[in-house]
Amino acid sequence: MASSGLAYPDRFYAAAAYAGFGVGEATSSAAISRFQNDVALLLYGLHQQATVGPCNVPKPRAWNPVEQSKWTSWHGLGSMPSAEAMRLFVKILEKPKDEPHSVPGSTNGTSIPEPNISENGSSVEAQDKDVILEGLSTVSSHDQWTPLSVSGLRPKPRYEHGATVLQNKMYIFGGNHNGRYLSDLQALDLKSLTWSKVDAKLQAEPADSTKTTQIAPCAGHSLISWGNKFLSIAGHTKDPSEGVTVKEFDPHTCTWSIVRTYGKPPVSRGGQTVTLVGTTLVLFGGEDAERCLLNDLHILDLETMTWDDVDAIGTPPSPRSDHAAACHADRYLLIFGGGSHATCFNDLHVLDLQTMEWSRPKQQGPTPSPRAGHAGGTVGENWYIVGGGNNKSGVSETLVLNMSTLTWSVVSTVEGRVPLASEGMTLVHSNYGGYDYLISFGGYNGRYNNEVYTLKLSLKSDSQSTLKEETLSDTTSRVIEPEAEIYQDGKIREISVDNADSDLNNRNDEASEQLLADLKAQKEELEATLSREQLQTVQLKEDIARAETRNAELTKELQAVRGQLASEQSRCFKLEVDVAELRQKLQSMDALEKEVELLRRQRAASEQAAMDAKQRQSSGGMWGWLAGSPTPAV
């Protein structure tokens, strides 16, 4: 099958299909097995870059060397434009016309001829332009919001919805319209700028994949892309649960599923922020079902799906909802703005995720106005803030914060009551044709909106121009990265990758050899790492066995001590009883002593009275004798 007569991207798709690269992981793996390791990995990375875009999936685990090598090949291409990846994919498969080359696995020796390229590369550039001038690349102005002309049935106007980008599509889920929660899932193809409704079902039982029902309507939730799927976290619902619910959507099966999590989940809420940091999600703040504002911090490990509530030191942000959050350098969590029931904020808080300490850093540039319900998106080290409101009107300016220098600046300002000055809108980032785009959707500014706006950034982000630390990136970039010249107007003119096809082939061979050597070194390193891990596992098992034995001995000793303690407690109880009885006896003896003392006093008083009476008798007889009175007979 000859493809030289086709224009891009049809030429690329024909070459990819001929080489065995189809849709899905199984067909890609089958195609890889048809080539040598170095060429196969390079073709895989270019195919992924051309069809999916820059690699944003997490790095596979170290003990899966095949998947890690594939990821390294794709990730090493950085932000290479889709058009360039298509062209290089075709060139690697093709050979010069005088040296026909059968595609591995072909039975008829059919070859894909070398494309016709003029000395200055004009024909290739023209074909590449056909690829670039579609979708978002039709936007020509830089640093200025532009409404997108989209086709298809637009979603219902809404705000407080969720949005994310996955495989060159922007997904919109849920939201609020006229006080009613929504449950529909819509997708905007960023290549064709066409809306389509996704007929998604909820898998009711994990054990029964055929049993499905409708997803519950929600608003104020967060959508996060993770691998080739995306997650919906938290959100307000009509019948809220006690804890935060995590749902997962698979675009291949168009099925929602409830993710089983472990640990204590955060209380159900909406208006929170959920930020992807490595392989974890950091949830902060929001408003629970009772309209109580929150400022708690929770982390969900995406590998174990385990929640952990964090007690950070320092002064945290005050309880709030409808704020914005971003992560810088996989270490710092930034919180900006938000609102309470009575006021809006413009404060900036930073959490060091290593020390778990809050701080209020000093900022530079113009001070942002208070706002809530705004949207944020990161591009490299820049954090863009769009929209929001302050209880009086919508915020018209688009701000950017350089997270390295903490310097604010104004990107653009809109006039009037436009959707960009709305609350509850969403903002996503997409790289297309070598440029970064911010895409906004929806919001509420007195009316519900469903317009799509985009902001084309003038220069590529720093993160896109940074060389990757991976070895494969270093070797691959010498083969496939085009030189570029940046003019004052911000446009980039690509220069021919190679001056001649022979140079390309020679450099490909050198890079392939270097790539193979690097892969072998990585394999040896992984095997050594695996051996060390196995040795550590054995040692840990021995330590665990010793610890269990020691634990059993300590348990026996503890039981013996508990028995002795019980007997001592019984003896002490008897002694306490005896002491109580003795105290009662002592109290009785005190009473007896008092009675005896009283009797003694009475006896002494009686004896004294008797003596006094006897004395009086003796005195009366003498005076009677002297007076002549008769003496009484005895």
Foldseek 3Di string as FASTA:
>chain_A
DELLVDFPPVSLVVVCVVLQNDPDDVSLVVSLVQDPNLLSLLLLLLVCCQQQNQDDAAQDDLLPLVSNSSSCNNNLVFHPFNLLSSLVSLLVQEDAPVDQAANRPDDPSDGHHDHDADLQRVVSVVRSVVQQCFFPSVDDDFLDKDFDDAAEDFDDFFFQWEWEDGRQKIKTAWGADPRDIDGWIWIQRRGHRYIDTQPAWEQPDPVDRVDTHGDFGWGQWYWADHHRKIKTWAGDGPDDDQFIWIWIAHPVVSYIYTDDAAEDGHGGFGQWDWEDQRQKIKIAWGAHPVRDFGGWIWMARNVRRYIDTDDADEDTDDGFGQWEWYDDPSFKIKIAWGDHPPWIGGFIWIAGNVRRYIDGDDAAEDRDDGFGQWEWDDAHQKIKIWAGDTVPFFAFWIWIARNVRRYIDTSDGDDDQDQRRFGRKYWYWDRHRNWIKIKIAWGDGPHGGGIIMIHTHLEHHPSSPDRDPDPLSVLVCLQRPFDWDADPSSDIDTGDRDSDSVVNVVSVVVSSVVSVVSSVVSVVVSVVVVVVVVVVVVVVVVVVVVVVVVVVVVVVVVVVVVVVVVVVVVVVVVVVVVVVVVVVVVVVVVVVVVVVVVVVVVVVVVVVVVVVVVVVVVVVQVVCVVVVHDHDDD
